[in-house]
Amino acid sequence: MARKFRGSEEVKVDAKGRVSIPAKFRRVFESADPEWETGKRPQLVVVFGTESWKHLQLFTMQAIDEVDEQISRLQRGSAARNLLENIYHGHAEEAEIDGDGRLVLPQKLREKIGLTDSAFFIASGDYLKVWSPENYREEERELEARVPEFEPGADPLSLLALASSQTITEAG
């Protein structure tokens, strides 16, 4: 199993759209790129999604291969497969981390998610999400509100019990 991303970090965006990928995240991209070796640039896939998305998803090569495999198992022509192919193939770009540990985000992607002078990275398991700091703060408030079982001040791990009970119900 590939290493997972952990943590979050805010970084500067320069005038050319370059963002420094924090070292802890670069190590994950390197370890999950089967073609990477010392001296080479780690590859990744930037998914910019549909018009409503306010973030980017940065997938390791290993993770995007798993997504592609899952999509290919869906019935050709099905609505779900068409949507997923549209997002993860059509609204995505291959990219690489340069020798200085930076990723260049094209202007159209920066504009799409509202990036100006800083970007907020947050781990999502086998991929990273990139937000404008302002959009992320709004998203975090909305995340908690969308989980009615999560009461303010509650232990977030309590939600895992809910997931376990759903699995048992679905299996039974």
N, C-alpha and C. Protein backbone atom coordinates (compact mmCIF):
# COMPACT_ATOMS: atom_id res chain seq x y z
N MET A 1 0.84 -1.19 0.00
CA MET A 1 0.00 0.00 0.00
C MET A 1 0.88 1.25 0.00
N ALA A 2 0.51 2.21 -0.79
CA ALA A 2 1.28 3.45 -0.91
C ALA A 2 1.13 4.29 0.35
N ARG A 3 2.13 5.10 0.59
CA ARG A 3 2.05 6.05 1.70
C ARG A 3 0.89 6.99 1.48
N LYS A 4 0.33 7.43 2.57
CA LYS A 4 -0.78 8.39 2.52
C LYS A 4 -0.26 9.79 2.85
N PHE A 5 -0.96 10.78 2.33
CA PHE A 5 -0.66 12.15 2.70
C PHE A 5 -1.24 12.41 4.08
N ARG A 6 -0.53 13.21 4.87
CA ARG A 6 -1.00 13.63 6.18
C ARG A 6 -0.64 15.10 6.36
N GLY A 7 -1.56 15.86 6.89
CA GLY A 7 -1.26 17.23 7.25
C GLY A 7 -1.84 18.25 6.29
N SER A 8 -1.51 19.51 6.59
CA SER A 8 -1.95 20.62 5.77
C SER A 8 -0.89 21.71 5.86
N GLU A 9 -0.89 22.57 4.87
CA GLU A 9 0.11 23.64 4.84
C GLU A 9 -0.32 24.72 3.86
N GLU A 10 -0.05 25.95 4.27
CA GLU A 10 -0.29 27.09 3.39
C GLU A 10 1.05 27.51 2.79
N VAL A 11 1.07 27.73 1.47
CA VAL A 11 2.30 28.11 0.78
C VAL A 11 2.04 29.31 -0.12
N LYS A 12 3.10 29.98 -0.47
CA LYS A 12 3.01 31.14 -1.37
C LYS A 12 2.86 30.68 -2.82
N VAL A 13 2.20 31.51 -3.62
CA VAL A 13 2.09 31.30 -5.06
C VAL A 13 2.79 32.49 -5.69
N ASP A 14 3.78 32.22 -6.56
CA ASP A 14 4.49 33.35 -7.18
C ASP A 14 3.75 33.81 -8.44
N ALA A 15 4.25 34.86 -9.04
CA ALA A 15 3.59 35.48 -10.21
C ALA A 15 3.47 34.53 -11.39
N LYS A 16 4.36 33.53 -11.48
CA LYS A 16 4.31 32.56 -12.58
C LYS A 16 3.43 31.36 -12.25
N GLY A 17 2.79 31.37 -11.08
CA GLY A 17 1.92 30.27 -10.71
C GLY A 17 2.64 29.09 -10.09
N ARG A 18 3.87 29.30 -9.64
CA ARG A 18 4.62 28.22 -9.02
C ARG A 18 4.32 28.15 -7.53
N VAL A 19 4.06 26.94 -7.06
CA VAL A 19 3.85 26.70 -5.63
C VAL A 19 4.86 25.66 -5.18
N SER A 20 5.45 25.89 -4.03
CA SER A 20 6.37 24.91 -3.46
C SER A 20 5.56 23.80 -2.81
N ILE A 21 5.86 22.58 -3.21
CA ILE A 21 5.22 21.42 -2.60
C ILE A 21 6.02 21.10 -1.33
N PRO A 22 5.39 21.15 -0.15
CA PRO A 22 6.12 20.84 1.07
C PRO A 22 6.81 19.47 0.98
N ALA A 23 8.00 19.38 1.56
CA ALA A 23 8.82 18.17 1.45
C ALA A 23 8.07 16.91 1.87
N LYS A 24 7.27 16.99 2.94
CA LYS A 24 6.54 15.80 3.39
C LYS A 24 5.58 15.29 2.32
N PHE A 25 5.03 16.20 1.51
CA PHE A 25 4.14 15.79 0.43
C PHE A 25 4.94 15.31 -0.78
N ARG A 26 6.07 15.94 -1.06
CA ARG A 26 6.91 15.50 -2.20
C ARG A 26 7.35 14.06 -2.01
N ARG A 27 7.68 13.67 -0.78
CA ARG A 27 8.12 12.29 -0.52
C ARG A 27 7.04 11.29 -0.89
N VAL A 28 5.78 11.65 -0.65
CA VAL A 28 4.68 10.74 -1.01
C VAL A 28 4.56 10.65 -2.53
N PHE A 29 4.63 11.79 -3.23
CA PHE A 29 4.58 11.74 -4.70
C PHE A 29 5.72 10.89 -5.25
N GLU A 30 6.91 11.03 -4.69
CA GLU A 30 8.05 10.24 -5.15
C GLU A 30 7.82 8.75 -4.92
N SER A 31 7.37 8.39 -3.71
CA SER A 31 7.21 6.96 -3.38
C SER A 31 6.08 6.31 -4.17
N ALA A 32 5.13 7.10 -4.66
CA ALA A 32 3.98 6.54 -5.38
C ALA A 32 4.09 6.76 -6.90
N ASP A 33 5.29 7.08 -7.36
CA ASP A 33 5.55 7.21 -8.80
C ASP A 33 6.48 6.07 -9.18
N PRO A 34 5.96 5.02 -9.84
CA PRO A 34 6.78 3.85 -10.14
C PRO A 34 8.01 4.15 -11.01
N GLU A 35 7.99 5.26 -11.74
CA GLU A 35 9.12 5.60 -12.60
C GLU A 35 10.11 6.56 -11.95
N TRP A 36 9.79 7.04 -10.72
CA TRP A 36 10.66 8.02 -10.09
C TRP A 36 11.90 7.34 -9.51
N GLU A 37 13.01 8.04 -9.66
CA GLU A 37 14.26 7.66 -9.00
C GLU A 37 15.01 8.95 -8.74
N THR A 38 15.99 8.90 -7.87
CA THR A 38 16.76 10.09 -7.52
C THR A 38 17.23 10.80 -8.78
N GLY A 39 17.03 12.11 -8.82
CA GLY A 39 17.42 12.90 -9.97
C GLY A 39 16.31 13.12 -10.98
N LYS A 40 15.24 12.34 -10.88
CA LYS A 40 14.09 12.51 -11.78
C LYS A 40 13.02 13.35 -11.09
N ARG A 41 12.11 13.87 -11.88
CA ARG A 41 11.01 14.67 -11.36
C ARG A 41 9.79 13.79 -11.11
N PRO A 42 9.24 13.82 -9.90
CA PRO A 42 8.05 13.01 -9.65
C PRO A 42 6.85 13.52 -10.46
N GLN A 43 6.10 12.58 -10.99
CA GLN A 43 4.93 12.89 -11.81
C GLN A 43 3.68 12.84 -10.93
N LEU A 44 2.66 13.57 -11.36
CA LEU A 44 1.38 13.56 -10.67
C LEU A 44 0.30 13.95 -11.65
N VAL A 45 -0.94 13.86 -11.22
CA VAL A 45 -2.07 14.28 -12.05
C VAL A 45 -2.87 15.31 -11.27
N VAL A 46 -3.11 16.45 -11.91
CA VAL A 46 -3.91 17.53 -11.34
C VAL A 46 -5.32 17.41 -11.91
N VAL A 47 -6.30 17.18 -11.04
CA VAL A 47 -7.69 17.10 -11.46
C VAL A 47 -8.36 18.40 -11.04
N PHE A 48 -8.92 19.11 -12.03
CA PHE A 48 -9.55 20.38 -11.71
C PHE A 48 -11.07 20.29 -11.70
N GLY A 49 -11.62 19.15 -12.10
CA GLY A 49 -13.03 18.85 -11.92
C GLY A 49 -14.00 19.73 -12.68
N THR A 50 -15.23 19.63 -12.25
CA THR A 50 -16.31 20.33 -12.93
C THR A 50 -16.31 21.82 -12.56
N GLU A 51 -17.19 22.54 -13.21
CA GLU A 51 -17.27 23.99 -13.03
C GLU A 51 -17.47 24.40 -11.57
N SER A 52 -18.19 23.59 -10.80
CA SER A 52 -18.51 23.95 -9.42
C SER A 52 -17.36 23.73 -8.44
N TRP A 53 -16.34 22.98 -8.83
CA TRP A 53 -15.24 22.70 -7.91
C TRP A 53 -14.48 23.98 -7.58
N LYS A 54 -14.17 24.16 -6.30
CA LYS A 54 -13.38 25.31 -5.85
C LYS A 54 -12.01 24.87 -5.37
N HIS A 55 -11.61 23.68 -5.75
CA HIS A 55 -10.30 23.14 -5.35
C HIS A 55 -9.73 22.29 -6.48
N LEU A 56 -8.46 21.96 -6.34
CA LEU A 56 -7.81 21.01 -7.24
C LEU A 56 -7.50 19.75 -6.45
N GLN A 57 -7.40 18.63 -7.15
CA GLN A 57 -6.97 17.39 -6.52
C GLN A 57 -5.64 17.00 -7.17
N LEU A 58 -4.63 16.75 -6.35
CA LEU A 58 -3.32 16.32 -6.84
C LEU A 58 -3.15 14.85 -6.50
N PHE A 59 -3.20 14.00 -7.52
CA PHE A 59 -3.10 12.56 -7.33
C PHE A 59 -1.69 12.06 -7.59
N THR A 60 -1.26 11.11 -6.78
CA THR A 60 -0.02 10.40 -7.08
C THR A 60 -0.31 9.52 -8.31
N MET A 61 0.73 9.09 -8.98
CA MET A 61 0.54 8.23 -10.14
C MET A 61 -0.11 6.91 -9.74
N GLN A 62 0.29 6.37 -8.61
CA GLN A 62 -0.29 5.12 -8.14
C GLN A 62 -1.79 5.29 -7.84
N ALA A 63 -2.15 6.40 -7.18
CA ALA A 63 -3.55 6.63 -6.83
C ALA A 63 -4.41 6.84 -8.07
N ILE A 64 -3.92 7.61 -9.04
CA ILE A 64 -4.73 7.85 -10.24
C ILE A 64 -4.88 6.57 -11.06
N ASP A 65 -3.86 5.72 -11.03
CA ASP A 65 -3.98 4.41 -11.70
C ASP A 65 -5.10 3.59 -11.07
N GLU A 66 -5.22 3.65 -9.74
CA GLU A 66 -6.29 2.92 -9.05
C GLU A 66 -7.66 3.50 -9.43
N VAL A 67 -7.76 4.83 -9.50
CA VAL A 67 -9.01 5.47 -9.91
C VAL A 67 -9.35 5.04 -11.34
N ASP A 68 -8.37 5.09 -12.23
CA ASP A 68 -8.60 4.68 -13.63
C ASP A 68 -9.09 3.23 -13.71
N GLU A 69 -8.50 2.37 -12.90
CA GLU A 69 -8.90 0.95 -12.89
C GLU A 69 -10.35 0.81 -12.43
N GLN A 70 -10.72 1.53 -11.40
CA GLN A 70 -12.10 1.47 -10.91
C GLN A 70 -13.08 2.01 -11.95
N ILE A 71 -12.71 3.08 -12.61
CA ILE A 71 -13.57 3.63 -13.67
C ILE A 71 -13.74 2.61 -14.80
N SER A 72 -12.66 1.94 -15.17
CA SER A 72 -12.72 0.99 -16.30
C SER A 72 -13.60 -0.21 -15.99
N ARG A 73 -13.87 -0.47 -14.71
CA ARG A 73 -14.74 -1.59 -14.34
C ARG A 73 -16.23 -1.24 -14.46
N LEU A 74 -16.53 0.04 -14.58
CA LEU A 74 -17.92 0.45 -14.76
C LEU A 74 -18.36 0.15 -16.19
N GLN A 75 -19.65 -0.02 -16.36
CA GLN A 75 -20.18 -0.32 -17.69
C GLN A 75 -19.95 0.85 -18.63
N ARG A 76 -19.41 0.52 -19.80
CA ARG A 76 -19.20 1.55 -20.82
C ARG A 76 -20.52 2.22 -21.15
N GLY A 77 -20.49 3.54 -21.27
CA GLY A 77 -21.68 4.29 -21.61
C GLY A 77 -22.60 4.60 -20.45
N SER A 78 -22.32 4.03 -19.27
CA SER A 78 -23.18 4.33 -18.12
C SER A 78 -22.97 5.78 -17.69
N ALA A 79 -23.98 6.35 -17.07
CA ALA A 79 -23.90 7.74 -16.62
C ALA A 79 -22.75 7.93 -15.63
N ALA A 80 -22.58 6.99 -14.72
CA ALA A 80 -21.51 7.10 -13.72
C ALA A 80 -20.14 7.08 -14.39
N ARG A 81 -19.95 6.14 -15.33
CA ARG A 81 -18.66 6.07 -16.01
C ARG A 81 -18.40 7.33 -16.83
N ASN A 82 -19.41 7.81 -17.54
CA ASN A 82 -19.25 9.02 -18.34
C ASN A 82 -18.85 10.21 -17.47
N LEU A 83 -19.52 10.35 -16.32
CA LEU A 83 -19.19 11.46 -15.42
C LEU A 83 -17.77 11.34 -14.90
N LEU A 84 -17.40 10.16 -14.42
CA LEU A 84 -16.06 9.96 -13.87
C LEU A 84 -14.97 10.13 -14.92
N GLU A 85 -15.21 9.63 -16.13
CA GLU A 85 -14.23 9.85 -17.21
C GLU A 85 -14.11 11.33 -17.53
N ASN A 86 -15.24 12.03 -17.54
CA ASN A 86 -15.22 13.46 -17.80
C ASN A 86 -14.35 14.18 -16.77
N ILE A 87 -14.54 13.85 -15.50
CA ILE A 87 -13.79 14.53 -14.44
C ILE A 87 -12.34 14.09 -14.40
N TYR A 88 -12.10 12.77 -14.29
CA TYR A 88 -10.74 12.28 -14.01
C TYR A 88 -9.88 12.06 -15.25
N HIS A 89 -10.47 12.18 -16.43
CA HIS A 89 -9.68 12.13 -17.66
C HIS A 89 -9.73 13.48 -18.37
N GLY A 90 -10.94 13.99 -18.57
CA GLY A 90 -11.10 15.22 -19.34
C GLY A 90 -10.78 16.50 -18.60
N HIS A 91 -11.01 16.51 -17.29
CA HIS A 91 -10.74 17.70 -16.49
C HIS A 91 -9.52 17.45 -15.61
N ALA A 92 -8.48 16.99 -16.24
CA ALA A 92 -7.25 16.64 -15.53
C ALA A 92 -6.06 16.90 -16.43
N GLU A 93 -4.92 17.15 -15.81
CA GLU A 93 -3.67 17.39 -16.54
C GLU A 93 -2.54 16.64 -15.85
N GLU A 94 -1.66 16.05 -16.64
CA GLU A 94 -0.46 15.47 -16.06
C GLU A 94 0.52 16.59 -15.75
N ALA A 95 1.27 16.44 -14.68
CA ALA A 95 2.21 17.48 -14.25
C ALA A 95 3.41 16.81 -13.58
N GLU A 96 4.37 17.65 -13.23
CA GLU A 96 5.55 17.14 -12.52
C GLU A 96 6.02 18.20 -11.54
N ILE A 97 6.72 17.73 -10.53
CA ILE A 97 7.33 18.62 -9.55
C ILE A 97 8.73 18.91 -10.04
N ASP A 98 9.06 20.20 -10.17
CA ASP A 98 10.37 20.55 -10.74
C ASP A 98 11.51 20.28 -9.76
N GLY A 99 12.73 20.49 -10.22
CA GLY A 99 13.92 20.21 -9.42
C GLY A 99 14.02 21.02 -8.14
N ASP A 100 13.27 22.13 -8.07
CA ASP A 100 13.26 22.96 -6.86
C ASP A 100 12.06 22.64 -5.97
N GLY A 101 11.33 21.56 -6.29
CA GLY A 101 10.20 21.14 -5.46
C GLY A 101 8.93 21.93 -5.69
N ARG A 102 8.82 22.53 -6.87
CA ARG A 102 7.65 23.36 -7.17
C ARG A 102 6.78 22.73 -8.23
N LEU A 103 5.51 23.12 -8.19
CA LEU A 103 4.54 22.72 -9.19
C LEU A 103 4.02 24.00 -9.83
N VAL A 104 3.96 24.02 -11.16
CA VAL A 104 3.43 25.19 -11.86
C VAL A 104 1.94 24.96 -12.09
N LEU A 105 1.12 25.88 -11.58
CA LEU A 105 -0.32 25.83 -11.80
C LEU A 105 -0.68 26.86 -12.86
N PRO A 106 -1.20 26.41 -13.99
CA PRO A 106 -1.56 27.35 -15.06
C PRO A 106 -2.57 28.40 -14.58
N GLN A 107 -2.55 29.54 -15.22
CA GLN A 107 -3.43 30.65 -14.88
C GLN A 107 -4.89 30.23 -14.83
N LYS A 108 -5.35 29.45 -15.83
CA LYS A 108 -6.76 29.06 -15.86
C LYS A 108 -7.15 28.27 -14.61
N LEU A 109 -6.24 27.46 -14.08
CA LEU A 109 -6.56 26.70 -12.87
C LEU A 109 -6.53 27.58 -11.63
N ARG A 110 -5.59 28.51 -11.59
CA ARG A 110 -5.53 29.45 -10.46
C ARG A 110 -6.80 30.29 -10.42
N GLU A 111 -7.23 30.76 -11.57
CA GLU A 111 -8.45 31.56 -11.62
C GLU A 111 -9.67 30.74 -11.23
N LYS A 112 -9.72 29.49 -11.69
CA LYS A 112 -10.87 28.62 -11.40
C LYS A 112 -11.11 28.47 -9.91
N ILE A 113 -10.04 28.33 -9.13
CA ILE A 113 -10.21 28.09 -7.70
C ILE A 113 -9.92 29.32 -6.84
N GLY A 114 -9.66 30.46 -7.50
CA GLY A 114 -9.47 31.70 -6.76
C GLY A 114 -8.13 31.87 -6.09
N LEU A 115 -7.08 31.23 -6.63
CA LEU A 115 -5.74 31.38 -6.04
C LEU A 115 -5.13 32.71 -6.44
N THR A 116 -4.57 33.39 -5.48
CA THR A 116 -3.85 34.63 -5.78
C THR A 116 -2.42 34.48 -5.29
N ASP A 117 -2.15 34.88 -4.06
CA ASP A 117 -0.77 34.86 -3.58
C ASP A 117 -0.45 33.70 -2.63
N SER A 118 -1.45 32.89 -2.26
CA SER A 118 -1.16 31.72 -1.43
C SER A 118 -2.14 30.59 -1.74
N ALA A 119 -1.69 29.38 -1.44
CA ALA A 119 -2.50 28.17 -1.66
C ALA A 119 -2.50 27.36 -0.38
N PHE A 120 -3.59 26.66 -0.14
CA PHE A 120 -3.72 25.82 1.04
C PHE A 120 -3.81 24.37 0.60
N PHE A 121 -2.84 23.55 1.05
CA PHE A 121 -2.82 22.12 0.76
C PHE A 121 -3.39 21.39 1.97
N ILE A 122 -4.27 20.42 1.71
CA ILE A 122 -4.74 19.56 2.79
C ILE A 122 -4.80 18.12 2.29
N ALA A 123 -4.33 17.22 3.13
CA ALA A 123 -4.26 15.81 2.77
C ALA A 123 -5.65 15.20 2.71
N SER A 124 -5.83 14.29 1.75
CA SER A 124 -7.07 13.51 1.61
C SER A 124 -6.72 12.06 1.31
N GLY A 125 -5.86 11.50 2.15
CA GLY A 125 -5.46 10.11 1.96
C GLY A 125 -4.44 9.96 0.86
N ASP A 126 -4.86 9.47 -0.32
CA ASP A 126 -3.90 9.25 -1.40
C ASP A 126 -3.86 10.38 -2.41
N TYR A 127 -4.44 11.50 -2.07
CA TYR A 127 -4.29 12.70 -2.89
C TYR A 127 -4.34 13.93 -2.00
N LEU A 128 -3.92 15.05 -2.57
CA LEU A 128 -3.98 16.34 -1.88
C LEU A 128 -5.07 17.19 -2.50
N LYS A 129 -5.68 18.02 -1.69
CA LYS A 129 -6.58 19.05 -2.21
C LYS A 129 -5.85 20.38 -2.10
N VAL A 130 -6.02 21.21 -3.12
CA VAL A 130 -5.43 22.55 -3.12
C VAL A 130 -6.58 23.54 -3.21
N TRP A 131 -6.61 24.45 -2.25
CA TRP A 131 -7.66 25.46 -2.13
C TRP A 131 -7.04 26.83 -2.04
N SER A 132 -7.83 27.87 -2.32
CA SER A 132 -7.44 29.19 -1.85
C SER A 132 -7.73 29.14 -0.35
N PRO A 133 -6.92 29.79 0.47
CA PRO A 133 -7.17 29.73 1.92
C PRO A 133 -8.59 30.18 2.29
N GLU A 134 -9.11 31.19 1.61
CA GLU A 134 -10.45 31.70 1.92
C GLU A 134 -11.52 30.64 1.61
N ASN A 135 -11.43 30.02 0.43
CA ASN A 135 -12.40 28.99 0.07
C ASN A 135 -12.31 27.80 1.00
N TYR A 136 -11.10 27.46 1.46
CA TYR A 136 -10.98 26.32 2.36
C TYR A 136 -11.63 26.60 3.70
N ARG A 137 -11.45 27.79 4.24
CA ARG A 137 -12.08 28.11 5.53
C ARG A 137 -13.60 27.95 5.44
N GLU A 138 -14.17 28.42 4.33
CA GLU A 138 -15.61 28.26 4.11
C GLU A 138 -15.99 26.79 4.00
N GLU A 139 -15.20 26.02 3.26
CA GLU A 139 -15.46 24.59 3.07
C GLU A 139 -15.41 23.84 4.40
N GLU A 140 -14.45 24.17 5.25
CA GLU A 140 -14.32 23.46 6.52
C GLU A 140 -15.56 23.68 7.39
N ARG A 141 -16.08 24.89 7.42
CA ARG A 141 -17.31 25.17 8.17
C ARG A 141 -18.47 24.35 7.60
N GLU A 142 -18.55 24.29 6.29
CA GLU A 142 -19.64 23.55 5.64
C GLU A 142 -19.51 22.04 5.86
N LEU A 143 -18.28 21.52 5.91
CA LEU A 143 -18.06 20.09 6.13
C LEU A 143 -18.71 19.63 7.42
N GLU A 144 -18.45 20.34 8.50
CA GLU A 144 -19.01 19.96 9.79
C GLU A 144 -20.53 20.05 9.76
N ALA A 145 -21.07 21.08 9.11
CA ALA A 145 -22.52 21.27 9.05
C ALA A 145 -23.21 20.16 8.25
N ARG A 146 -22.49 19.54 7.29
CA ARG A 146 -23.10 18.50 6.44
C ARG A 146 -23.17 17.14 7.12
N VAL A 147 -22.58 17.02 8.30
CA VAL A 147 -22.62 15.74 9.03
C VAL A 147 -23.48 15.95 10.27
N PRO A 148 -24.79 15.70 10.17
CA PRO A 148 -25.68 15.99 11.28
C PRO A 148 -25.36 15.18 12.55
N GLU A 149 -24.72 14.03 12.39
CA GLU A 149 -24.39 13.21 13.55
C GLU A 149 -23.22 13.79 14.35
N PHE A 150 -22.54 14.77 13.79
CA PHE A 150 -21.38 15.36 14.45
C PHE A 150 -21.79 16.61 15.20
N GLU A 151 -21.78 16.51 16.51
CA GLU A 151 -22.16 17.64 17.34
C GLU A 151 -20.94 18.48 17.67
N PRO A 152 -21.10 19.79 17.78
CA PRO A 152 -19.96 20.65 18.14
C PRO A 152 -19.28 20.16 19.42
N GLY A 153 -17.96 20.07 19.36
CA GLY A 153 -17.19 19.61 20.51
C GLY A 153 -17.07 18.11 20.62
N ALA A 154 -17.76 17.35 19.77
CA ALA A 154 -17.70 15.89 19.83
C ALA A 154 -16.35 15.39 19.33
N ASP A 155 -16.01 14.18 19.73
CA ASP A 155 -14.79 13.53 19.25
C ASP A 155 -15.04 13.09 17.80
N PRO A 156 -14.23 13.59 16.83
CA PRO A 156 -14.45 13.20 15.43
C PRO A 156 -14.39 11.69 15.20
N LEU A 157 -13.64 10.97 16.02
CA LEU A 157 -13.55 9.52 15.85
C LEU A 157 -14.89 8.83 16.12
N SER A 158 -15.81 9.52 16.78
CA SER A 158 -17.13 8.94 17.02
C SER A 158 -17.85 8.64 15.70
N LEU A 159 -17.49 9.34 14.65
CA LEU A 159 -18.10 9.09 13.34
C LEU A 159 -17.72 7.73 12.78
N LEU A 160 -16.59 7.17 13.22
CA LEU A 160 -16.18 5.84 12.75
C LEU A 160 -17.16 4.77 13.20
N ALA A 161 -17.76 4.93 14.37
CA ALA A 161 -18.77 3.98 14.83
C ALA A 161 -19.95 3.98 13.89
N LEU A 162 -20.32 5.16 13.39
CA LEU A 162 -21.41 5.28 12.42
C LEU A 162 -21.06 4.51 11.15
N ALA A 163 -19.82 4.64 10.67
CA ALA A 163 -19.38 3.92 9.46
C ALA A 163 -19.44 2.42 9.69
N SER A 164 -19.04 1.96 10.88
CA SER A 164 -19.08 0.52 11.17
C SER A 164 -20.50 0.00 11.18
N SER A 165 -21.43 0.76 11.75
CA SER A 165 -22.82 0.31 11.80
C SER A 165 -23.44 0.29 10.41
N GLN A 166 -23.04 1.22 9.53
CA GLN A 166 -23.56 1.22 8.16
C GLN A 166 -23.07 0.00 7.41
N THR A 167 -21.81 -0.38 7.63
CA THR A 167 -21.23 -1.55 6.96
C THR A 167 -21.97 -2.81 7.40
N ILE A 168 -22.25 -2.91 8.70
CA ILE A 168 -22.96 -4.07 9.21
C ILE A 168 -24.37 -4.12 8.63
N THR A 169 -25.05 -2.99 8.58
CA THR A 169 -26.41 -2.92 8.02
C THR A 169 -26.40 -3.31 6.55
N GLU A 170 -25.42 -2.80 5.79
CA GLU A 170 -25.36 -3.10 4.36
C GLU A 170 -25.05 -4.56 4.11
N ALA A 171 -24.21 -5.18 4.97
CA ALA A 171 -23.83 -6.59 4.80
C ALA A 171 -24.97 -7.51 5.23
N GLY A 172 -25.77 -7.07 6.18
CA GLY A 172 -26.82 -7.91 6.75
C GLY A 172 -27.99 -7.92 5.88
